[in-house]
Amino acid sequence: MTDPTPSASGTAPAPLFGASDIRRLAGEIGVRPTKTLGQNFVIDGNTIRRIVAAAGIGPDETVLEVGPGLGSLTLGLLDAANAVVTVE
């Protein structure tokens, strides 16, 4: 997992998945991502942080994430929101 950087609240955020984590998780559950099925996995921690920052999520908000996949974006959302609800 990538090294966490302090969140806006001053607490250490959850570690984010990196490319090797995604490959390992996918292998463990027998998933072979294919772009023809629209499967894309965010593997860069900086990209996750930019997505979360651009969303402007407040610490009192609940986020609905549709299609969480292996959860790499979910980890970033958990640091910004009060709660995250995922629907696959």
PDB file of N, CA and C in Angstrom:
ATOM      1  N   MET A   1       0.835  -1.168   0.000  1.00  0.00           N
ATOM      2  CA  MET A   1       0.000   0.000   0.000  1.00  0.00           C
ATOM      3  C   MET A   1       0.885   1.237   0.000  1.00  0.00           C
ATOM      4  N   THR A   2       0.378   2.308  -0.574  1.00  0.00           N
ATOM      5  CA  THR A   2       1.164   3.531  -0.636  1.00  0.00           C
ATOM      6  C   THR A   2       1.206   4.188   0.734  1.00  0.00           C
ATOM      7  N   ASP A   3       2.245   4.969   0.979  1.00  0.00           N
ATOM      8  CA  ASP A   3       2.402   5.647   2.262  1.00  0.00           C
ATOM      9  C   ASP A   3       1.302   6.683   2.439  1.00  0.00           C
ATOM     10  N   PRO A   4       0.656   6.685   3.618  1.00  0.00           N
ATOM     11  CA  PRO A   4      -0.384   7.681   3.853  1.00  0.00           C
ATOM     12  C   PRO A   4       0.220   9.045   4.152  1.00  0.00           C
ATOM     13  N   THR A   5      -0.502  10.087   3.753  1.00  0.00           N
ATOM     14  CA  THR A   5      -0.143  11.448   4.128  1.00  0.00           C
ATOM     15  C   THR A   5      -1.236  11.950   5.049  1.00  0.00           C
ATOM     16  N   PRO A   6      -0.932  12.854   5.969  1.00  0.00           N
ATOM     17  CA  PRO A   6      -1.957  13.314   6.911  1.00  0.00           C
ATOM     18  C   PRO A   6      -3.170  13.897   6.192  1.00  0.00           C
ATOM     19  N   SER A   7      -4.353  13.577   6.692  1.00  0.00           N
ATOM     20  CA  SER A   7      -5.585  14.116   6.112  1.00  0.00           C
ATOM     21  C   SER A   7      -5.845  15.502   6.683  1.00  0.00           C
ATOM     22  N   ALA A   8      -6.878  16.152   6.159  1.00  0.00           N
ATOM     23  CA  ALA A   8      -7.231  17.497   6.605  1.00  0.00           C
ATOM     24  C   ALA A   8      -7.586  17.518   8.089  1.00  0.00           C
ATOM     25  N   SER A   9      -8.082  16.400   8.603  1.00  0.00           N
ATOM     26  CA  SER A   9      -8.455  16.348  10.015  1.00  0.00           C
ATOM     27  C   SER A   9      -7.251  16.162  10.925  1.00  0.00           C
ATOM     28  N   GLY A  10      -6.079  15.920  10.319  1.00  0.00           N
ATOM     29  CA  GLY A  10      -4.873  15.735  11.100  1.00  0.00           C
ATOM     30  C   GLY A  10      -4.621  14.291  11.488  1.00  0.00           C
ATOM     31  N   THR A  11      -5.586  13.419  11.213  1.00  0.00           N
ATOM     32  CA  THR A  11      -5.388  12.009  11.518  1.00  0.00           C
ATOM     33  C   THR A  11      -4.759  11.319  10.317  1.00  0.00           C
ATOM     34  N   ALA A  12      -4.094  10.223  10.580  1.00  0.00           N
ATOM     35  CA  ALA A  12      -3.476   9.476   9.480  1.00  0.00           C
ATOM     36  C   ALA A  12      -4.572   8.785   8.668  1.00  0.00           C
ATOM     37  N   PRO A  13      -4.598   9.011   7.357  1.00  0.00           N
ATOM     38  CA  PRO A  13      -5.616   8.370   6.520  1.00  0.00           C
ATOM     39  C   PRO A  13      -5.304   6.892   6.326  1.00  0.00           C
ATOM     40  N   ALA A  14      -6.294   6.161   5.857  1.00  0.00           N
ATOM     41  CA  ALA A  14      -6.086   4.750   5.543  1.00  0.00           C
ATOM     42  C   ALA A  14      -5.072   4.648   4.402  1.00  0.00           C
ATOM     43  N   PRO A  15      -4.199   3.653   4.443  1.00  0.00           N
ATOM     44  CA  PRO A  15      -3.266   3.474   3.323  1.00  0.00           C
ATOM     45  C   PRO A  15      -4.058   3.196   2.044  1.00  0.00           C
ATOM     46  N   LEU A  16      -3.584   3.713   0.934  1.00  0.00           N
ATOM     47  CA  LEU A  16      -4.249   3.505  -0.356  1.00  0.00           C
ATOM     48  C   LEU A  16      -3.602   2.343  -1.085  1.00  0.00           C
ATOM     49  N   PHE A  17      -4.371   1.668  -1.929  1.00  0.00           N
ATOM     50  CA  PHE A  17      -3.843   0.560  -2.720  1.00  0.00           C
ATOM     51  C   PHE A  17      -2.952   1.076  -3.827  1.00  0.00           C
ATOM     52  N   GLY A  18      -1.883   0.370  -4.092  1.00  0.00           N
ATOM     53  CA  GLY A  18      -1.025   0.638  -5.235  1.00  0.00           C
ATOM     54  C   GLY A  18      -1.246  -0.442  -6.281  1.00  0.00           C
ATOM     55  N   ALA A  19      -0.510  -0.374  -7.379  1.00  0.00           N
ATOM     56  CA  ALA A  19      -0.674  -1.326  -8.484  1.00  0.00           C
ATOM     57  C   ALA A  19      -0.456  -2.765  -8.021  1.00  0.00           C
ATOM     58  N   SER A  20       0.564  -3.003  -7.209  1.00  0.00           N
ATOM     59  CA  SER A  20       0.841  -4.376  -6.764  1.00  0.00           C
ATOM     60  C   SER A  20      -0.275  -4.892  -5.857  1.00  0.00           C
ATOM     61  N   ASP A  21      -0.861  -4.007  -5.048  1.00  0.00           N
ATOM     62  CA  ASP A  21      -1.988  -4.410  -4.192  1.00  0.00           C
ATOM     63  C   ASP A  21      -3.192  -4.816  -5.036  1.00  0.00           C
ATOM     64  N   ILE A  22      -3.478  -4.025  -6.065  1.00  0.00           N
ATOM     65  CA  ILE A  22      -4.612  -4.323  -6.946  1.00  0.00           C
ATOM     66  C   ILE A  22      -4.389  -5.658  -7.662  1.00  0.00           C
ATOM     67  N   ARG A  23      -3.178  -5.851  -8.193  1.00  0.00           N
ATOM     68  CA  ARG A  23      -2.881  -7.127  -8.873  1.00  0.00           C
ATOM     69  C   ARG A  23      -3.031  -8.307  -7.914  1.00  0.00           C
ATOM     70  N   ARG A  24      -2.526  -8.147  -6.692  1.00  0.00           N
ATOM     71  CA  ARG A  24      -2.609  -9.220  -5.708  1.00  0.00           C
ATOM     72  C   ARG A  24      -4.057  -9.530  -5.354  1.00  0.00           C
ATOM     73  N   LEU A  25      -4.841  -8.493  -5.053  1.00  0.00           N
ATOM     74  CA  LEU A  25      -6.253  -8.695  -4.712  1.00  0.00           C
ATOM     75  C   LEU A  25      -7.027  -9.336  -5.856  1.00  0.00           C
ATOM     76  N   ALA A  26      -6.801  -8.848  -7.055  1.00  0.00           N
ATOM     77  CA  ALA A  26      -7.498  -9.402  -8.217  1.00  0.00           C
ATOM     78  C   ALA A  26      -7.139 -10.874  -8.391  1.00  0.00           C
ATOM     79  N   GLY A  27      -5.865 -11.194  -8.218  1.00  0.00           N
ATOM     80  CA  GLY A  27      -5.429 -12.587  -8.342  1.00  0.00           C
ATOM     81  C   GLY A  27      -6.035 -13.482  -7.283  1.00  0.00           C
ATOM     82  N   GLU A  28      -6.127 -12.954  -6.062  1.00  0.00           N
ATOM     83  CA  GLU A  28      -6.686 -13.746  -4.955  1.00  0.00           C
ATOM     84  C   GLU A  28      -8.142 -14.113  -5.178  1.00  0.00           C
ATOM     85  N   ILE A  29      -8.891 -13.234  -5.838  1.00  0.00           N
ATOM     86  CA  ILE A  29     -10.317 -13.523  -6.053  1.00  0.00           C
ATOM     87  C   ILE A  29     -10.620 -13.964  -7.483  1.00  0.00           C
ATOM     88  N   GLY A  30      -9.559 -14.141  -8.274  1.00  0.00           N
ATOM     89  CA  GLY A  30      -9.738 -14.649  -9.632  1.00  0.00           C
ATOM     90  C   GLY A  30     -10.324 -13.656 -10.614  1.00  0.00           C
ATOM     91  N   VAL A  31     -10.072 -12.364 -10.405  1.00  0.00           N
ATOM     92  CA  VAL A  31     -10.583 -11.324 -11.303  1.00  0.00           C
ATOM     93  C   VAL A  31      -9.509 -10.969 -12.310  1.00  0.00           C
ATOM     94  N   ARG A  32      -9.893 -10.960 -13.574  1.00  0.00           N
ATOM     95  CA  ARG A  32      -8.998 -10.518 -14.640  1.00  0.00           C
ATOM     96  C   ARG A  32      -9.648  -9.302 -15.289  1.00  0.00           C
ATOM     97  N   PRO A  33      -9.261  -8.096 -14.855  1.00  0.00           N
ATOM     98  CA  PRO A  33      -9.888  -6.877 -15.392  1.00  0.00           C
ATOM     99  C   PRO A  33      -9.741  -6.783 -16.904  1.00  0.00           C
ATOM    100  N   THR A  34     -10.818  -6.367 -17.547  1.00  0.00           N
ATOM    101  CA  THR A  34     -10.779  -6.162 -18.989  1.00  0.00           C
ATOM    102  C   THR A  34     -11.462  -4.841 -19.327  1.00  0.00           C
ATOM    103  N   LYS A  35     -10.791  -4.037 -20.110  1.00  0.00           N
ATOM    104  CA  LYS A  35     -11.358  -2.729 -20.472  1.00  0.00           C
ATOM    105  C   LYS A  35     -12.572  -2.866 -21.381  1.00  0.00           C
ATOM    106  N   THR A  36     -12.691  -3.988 -22.099  1.00  0.00           N
ATOM    107  CA  THR A  36     -13.860  -4.167 -22.958  1.00  0.00           C
ATOM    108  C   THR A  36     -15.141  -4.273 -22.141  1.00  0.00           C
ATOM    109  N   LEU A  37     -15.015  -4.646 -20.866  1.00  0.00           N
ATOM    110  CA  LEU A  37     -16.172  -4.684 -19.971  1.00  0.00           C
ATOM    111  C   LEU A  37     -16.279  -3.410 -19.151  1.00  0.00           C
ATOM    112  N   GLY A  38     -15.417  -2.436 -19.441  1.00  0.00           N
ATOM    113  CA  GLY A  38     -15.457  -1.162 -18.730  1.00  0.00           C
ATOM    114  C   GLY A  38     -14.819  -1.205 -17.357  1.00  0.00           C
ATOM    115  N   GLN A  39     -14.006  -2.214 -17.111  1.00  0.00           N
ATOM    116  CA  GLN A  39     -13.372  -2.337 -15.804  1.00  0.00           C
ATOM    117  C   GLN A  39     -12.077  -1.535 -15.776  1.00  0.00           C
ATOM    118  N   ASN A  40     -12.029  -0.572 -14.885  1.00  0.00           N
ATOM    119  CA  ASN A  40     -10.843   0.253 -14.691  1.00  0.00           C
ATOM    120  C   ASN A  40     -10.580   0.348 -13.207  1.00  0.00           C
ATOM    121  N   PHE A  41      -9.346   0.100 -12.816  1.00  0.00           N
ATOM    122  CA  PHE A  41      -8.991   0.149 -11.411  1.00  0.00           C
ATOM    123  C   PHE A  41      -8.000   1.277 -11.194  1.00  0.00           C
ATOM    124  N   VAL A  42      -8.321   2.178 -10.269  1.00  0.00           N
ATOM    125  CA  VAL A  42      -7.431   3.292  -9.954  1.00  0.00           C
ATOM    126  C   VAL A  42      -6.288   2.718  -9.125  1.00  0.00           C
ATOM    127  N   ILE A  43      -5.071   2.881  -9.622  1.00  0.00           N
ATOM    128  CA  ILE A  43      -3.931   2.274  -8.936  1.00  0.00           C
ATOM    129  C   ILE A  43      -2.938   3.304  -8.408  1.00  0.00           C
ATOM    130  N   ASP A  44      -3.190   4.578  -8.648  1.00  0.00           N
ATOM    131  CA  ASP A  44      -2.264   5.619  -8.232  1.00  0.00           C
ATOM    132  C   ASP A  44      -2.869   6.429  -7.083  1.00  0.00           C
ATOM    133  N   GLY A  45      -2.177   6.429  -5.941  1.00  0.00           N
ATOM    134  CA  GLY A  45      -2.670   7.145  -4.773  1.00  0.00           C
ATOM    135  C   GLY A  45      -2.887   8.624  -5.016  1.00  0.00           C
ATOM    136  N   ASN A  46      -2.008   9.255  -5.807  1.00  0.00           N
ATOM    137  CA  ASN A  46      -2.171  10.678  -6.094  1.00  0.00           C
ATOM    138  C   ASN A  46      -3.434  10.945  -6.907  1.00  0.00           C
ATOM    139  N   THR A  47      -3.759  10.040  -7.822  1.00  0.00           N
ATOM    140  CA  THR A  47      -4.991  10.176  -8.615  1.00  0.00           C
ATOM    141  C   THR A  47      -6.206  10.070  -7.699  1.00  0.00           C
ATOM    142  N   ILE A  48      -6.168   9.128  -6.774  1.00  0.00           N
ATOM    143  CA  ILE A  48      -7.274   8.976  -5.824  1.00  0.00           C
ATOM    144  C   ILE A  48      -7.438  10.249  -5.004  1.00  0.00           C
ATOM    145  N   ARG A  49      -6.341  10.784  -4.517  1.00  0.00           N
ATOM    146  CA  ARG A  49      -6.414  12.021  -3.716  1.00  0.00           C
ATOM    147  C   ARG A  49      -6.971  13.186  -4.533  1.00  0.00           C
ATOM    148  N   ARG A  50      -6.595  13.277  -5.807  1.00  0.00           N
ATOM    149  CA  ARG A  50      -7.112  14.359  -6.669  1.00  0.00           C
ATOM    150  C   ARG A  50      -8.614  14.196  -6.914  1.00  0.00           C
ATOM    151  N   ILE A  51      -9.059  12.975  -7.136  1.00  0.00           N
ATOM    152  CA  ILE A  51     -10.485  12.722  -7.351  1.00  0.00           C
ATOM    153  C   ILE A  51     -11.281  13.124  -6.111  1.00  0.00           C
ATOM    154  N   VAL A  52     -10.814  12.698  -4.955  1.00  0.00           N
ATOM    155  CA  VAL A  52     -11.507  13.006  -3.701  1.00  0.00           C
ATOM    156  C   VAL A  52     -11.513  14.517  -3.450  1.00  0.00           C
ATOM    157  N   ALA A  53     -10.389  15.178  -3.683  1.00  0.00           N
ATOM    158  CA  ALA A  53     -10.321  16.637  -3.487  1.00  0.00           C
ATOM    159  C   ALA A  53     -11.256  17.360  -4.449  1.00  0.00           C
ATOM    160  N   ALA A  54     -11.310  16.923  -5.707  1.00  0.00           N
ATOM    161  CA  ALA A  54     -12.165  17.561  -6.707  1.00  0.00           C
ATOM    162  C   ALA A  54     -13.648  17.388  -6.376  1.00  0.00           C
ATOM    163  N   ALA A  55     -13.977  16.306  -5.680  1.00  0.00           N
ATOM    164  CA  ALA A  55     -15.376  16.057  -5.309  1.00  0.00           C
ATOM    165  C   ALA A  55     -15.850  17.016  -4.217  1.00  0.00           C
ATOM    166  N   GLY A  56     -14.928  17.616  -3.487  1.00  0.00           N
ATOM    167  CA  GLY A  56     -15.302  18.580  -2.456  1.00  0.00           C
ATOM    168  C   GLY A  56     -16.134  17.977  -1.339  1.00  0.00           C
ATOM    169  N   ILE A  57     -15.796  16.795  -0.932  1.00  0.00           N
ATOM    170  CA  ILE A  57     -16.561  16.079   0.092  1.00  0.00           C
ATOM    171  C   ILE A  57     -16.254  16.648   1.472  1.00  0.00           C
ATOM    172  N   GLY A  58     -17.306  16.921   2.218  1.00  0.00           N
ATOM    173  CA  GLY A  58     -17.146  17.428   3.573  1.00  0.00           C
ATOM    174  C   GLY A  58     -17.149  16.305   4.589  1.00  0.00           C
ATOM    175  N   PRO A  59     -16.554  16.528   5.757  1.00  0.00           N
ATOM    176  CA  PRO A  59     -16.453  15.473   6.776  1.00  0.00           C
ATOM    177  C   PRO A  59     -17.791  15.038   7.369  1.00  0.00           C
ATOM    178  N   ASP A  60     -18.855  15.781   7.107  1.00  0.00           N
ATOM    179  CA  ASP A  60     -20.172  15.412   7.620  1.00  0.00           C
ATOM    180  C   ASP A  60     -21.050  14.754   6.554  1.00  0.00           C
ATOM    181  N   GLU A  61     -20.492  14.510   5.378  1.00  0.00           N
ATOM    182  CA  GLU A  61     -21.283  13.966   4.269  1.00  0.00           C
ATOM    183  C   GLU A  61     -21.180  12.446   4.170  1.00  0.00           C
ATOM    184  N   THR A  62     -22.220  11.866   3.558  1.00  0.00           N
ATOM    185  CA  THR A  62     -22.232  10.457   3.214  1.00  0.00           C
ATOM    186  C   THR A  62     -22.091  10.361   1.700  1.00  0.00           C
ATOM    187  N   VAL A  63     -21.195   9.502   1.243  1.00  0.00           N
ATOM    188  CA  VAL A  63     -20.916   9.349  -0.185  1.00  0.00           C
ATOM    189  C   VAL A  63     -21.478   8.019  -0.661  1.00  0.00           C
ATOM    190  N   LEU A  64     -22.120   8.023  -1.838  1.00  0.00           N
ATOM    191  CA  LEU A  64     -22.567   6.810  -2.493  1.00  0.00           C
ATOM    192  C   LEU A  64     -21.592   6.520  -3.622  1.00  0.00           C
ATOM    193  N   GLU A  65     -20.897   5.401  -3.543  1.00  0.00           N
ATOM    194  CA  GLU A  65     -19.966   5.003  -4.604  1.00  0.00           C
ATOM    195  C   GLU A  65     -20.577   3.834  -5.361  1.00  0.00           C
ATOM    196  N   VAL A  66     -20.805   4.020  -6.647  1.00  0.00           N
ATOM    197  CA  VAL A  66     -21.374   2.978  -7.492  1.00  0.00           C
ATOM    198  C   VAL A  66     -20.230   2.276  -8.213  1.00  0.00           C
ATOM    199  N   GLY A  67     -20.169   0.967  -8.080  1.00  0.00           N
ATOM    200  CA  GLY A  67     -19.123   0.183  -8.724  1.00  0.00           C
ATOM    201  C   GLY A  67     -17.773   0.318  -8.050  1.00  0.00           C
ATOM    202  N   PRO A  68     -17.665  -0.011  -6.755  1.00  0.00           N
ATOM    203  CA  PRO A  68     -16.411   0.191  -6.041  1.00  0.00           C
ATOM    204  C   PRO A  68     -15.270  -0.729  -6.459  1.00  0.00           C
ATOM    205  N   GLY A  69     -15.576  -1.753  -7.216  1.00  0.00           N
ATOM    206  CA  GLY A  69     -14.505  -2.649  -7.660  1.00  0.00           C
ATOM    207  C   GLY A  69     -13.764  -3.248  -6.484  1.00  0.00           C
ATOM    208  N   LEU A  70     -12.441  -3.066  -6.459  1.00  0.00           N
ATOM    209  CA  LEU A  70     -11.624  -3.615  -5.381  1.00  0.00           C
ATOM    210  C   LEU A  70     -11.444  -2.649  -4.228  1.00  0.00           C
ATOM    211  N   GLY A  71     -12.017  -1.452  -4.315  1.00  0.00           N
ATOM    212  CA  GLY A  71     -12.043  -0.540  -3.186  1.00  0.00           C
ATOM    213  C   GLY A  71     -10.933   0.483  -3.103  1.00  0.00           C
ATOM    214  N   SER A  72     -10.164   0.676  -4.159  1.00  0.00           N
ATOM    215  CA  SER A  72      -9.051   1.632  -4.067  1.00  0.00           C
ATOM    216  C   SER A  72      -9.552   3.062  -3.877  1.00  0.00           C
ATOM    217  N   LEU A  73     -10.585   3.471  -4.590  1.00  0.00           N
ATOM    218  CA  LEU A  73     -11.150   4.805  -4.404  1.00  0.00           C
ATOM    219  C   LEU A  73     -11.907   4.882  -3.074  1.00  0.00           C
ATOM    220  N   THR A  74     -12.542   3.796  -2.681  1.00  0.00           N
ATOM    221  CA  THR A  74     -13.293   3.756  -1.433  1.00  0.00           C
ATOM    222  C   THR A  74     -12.420   4.160  -0.251  1.00  0.00           C
ATOM    223  N   LEU A  75     -11.188   3.680  -0.229  1.00  0.00           N
ATOM    224  CA  LEU A  75     -10.280   4.018   0.872  1.00  0.00           C
ATOM    225  C   LEU A  75     -10.046   5.523   0.951  1.00  0.00           C
ATOM    226  N   GLY A  76      -9.883   6.177  -0.192  1.00  0.00           N
ATOM    227  CA  GLY A  76      -9.706   7.622  -0.210  1.00  0.00           C
ATOM    228  C   GLY A  76     -10.958   8.356   0.223  1.00  0.00           C
ATOM    229  N   LEU A  77     -12.110   7.853  -0.184  1.00  0.00           N
ATOM    230  CA  LEU A  77     -13.379   8.472   0.196  1.00  0.00           C
ATOM    231  C   LEU A  77     -13.625   8.366   1.704  1.00  0.00           C
ATOM    232  N   LEU A  78     -13.214   7.258   2.290  1.00  0.00           N
ATOM    233  CA  LEU A  78     -13.414   7.062   3.729  1.00  0.00           C
ATOM    234  C   LEU A  78     -12.689   8.118   4.548  1.00  0.00           C
ATOM    235  N   ASP A  79     -11.565   8.616   4.050  1.00  0.00           N
ATOM    236  CA  ASP A  79     -10.825   9.635   4.768  1.00  0.00           C
ATOM    237  C   ASP A  79     -11.488  11.005   4.697  1.00  0.00           C
ATOM    238  N   ALA A  80     -12.292  11.230   3.660  1.00  0.00           N
ATOM    239  CA  ALA A  80     -12.884  12.554   3.458  1.00  0.00           C
ATOM    240  C   ALA A  80     -14.315  12.660   3.985  1.00  0.00           C
ATOM    241  N   ALA A  81     -15.055  11.557   3.950  1.00  0.00           N
ATOM    242  CA  ALA A  81     -16.483  11.588   4.265  1.00  0.00           C
ATOM    243  C   ALA A  81     -16.771  11.009   5.644  1.00  0.00           C
ATOM    244  N   ASN A  82     -17.975  11.294   6.129  1.00  0.00           N
ATOM    245  CA  ASN A  82     -18.446  10.697   7.371  1.00  0.00           C
ATOM    246  C   ASN A  82     -18.704   9.206   7.166  1.00  0.00           C
ATOM    247  N   ALA A  83     -19.273   8.866   6.009  1.00  0.00           N
ATOM    248  CA  ALA A  83     -19.596   7.482   5.682  1.00  0.00           C
ATOM    249  C   ALA A  83     -19.558   7.294   4.179  1.00  0.00           C
ATOM    250  N   VAL A  84     -19.276   6.062   3.763  1.00  0.00           N
ATOM    251  CA  VAL A  84     -19.286   5.713   2.345  1.00  0.00           C
ATOM    252  C   VAL A  84     -20.168   4.467   2.187  1.00  0.00           C
ATOM    253  N   VAL A  85     -21.144   4.564   1.291  1.00  0.00           N
ATOM    254  CA  VAL A  85     -22.016   3.450   0.957  1.00  0.00           C
ATOM    255  C   VAL A  85     -21.621   3.002  -0.433  1.00  0.00           C
ATOM    256  N   THR A  86     -21.319   1.708  -0.590  1.00  0.00           N
ATOM    257  CA  THR A  86     -20.906   1.210  -1.908  1.00  0.00           C
ATOM    258  C   THR A  86     -21.960   0.257  -2.451  1.00  0.00           C
ATOM    259  N   VAL A  87     -22.178   0.332  -3.763  1.00  0.00           N
ATOM    260  CA  VAL A  87     -23.119  -0.539  -4.459  1.00  0.00           C
ATOM    261  C   VAL A  87     -22.422  -1.084  -5.690  1.00  0.00           C
ATOM    262  N   GLU A  88     -22.314  -2.384  -5.795  1.00  0.00           N
ATOM    263  CA  GLU A  88     -21.656  -3.003  -6.950  1.00  0.00           C
ATOM    264  C   GLU A  88     -22.689  -3.302  -7.996  1.00  0.00           C
TER     265      GLU A  88
END
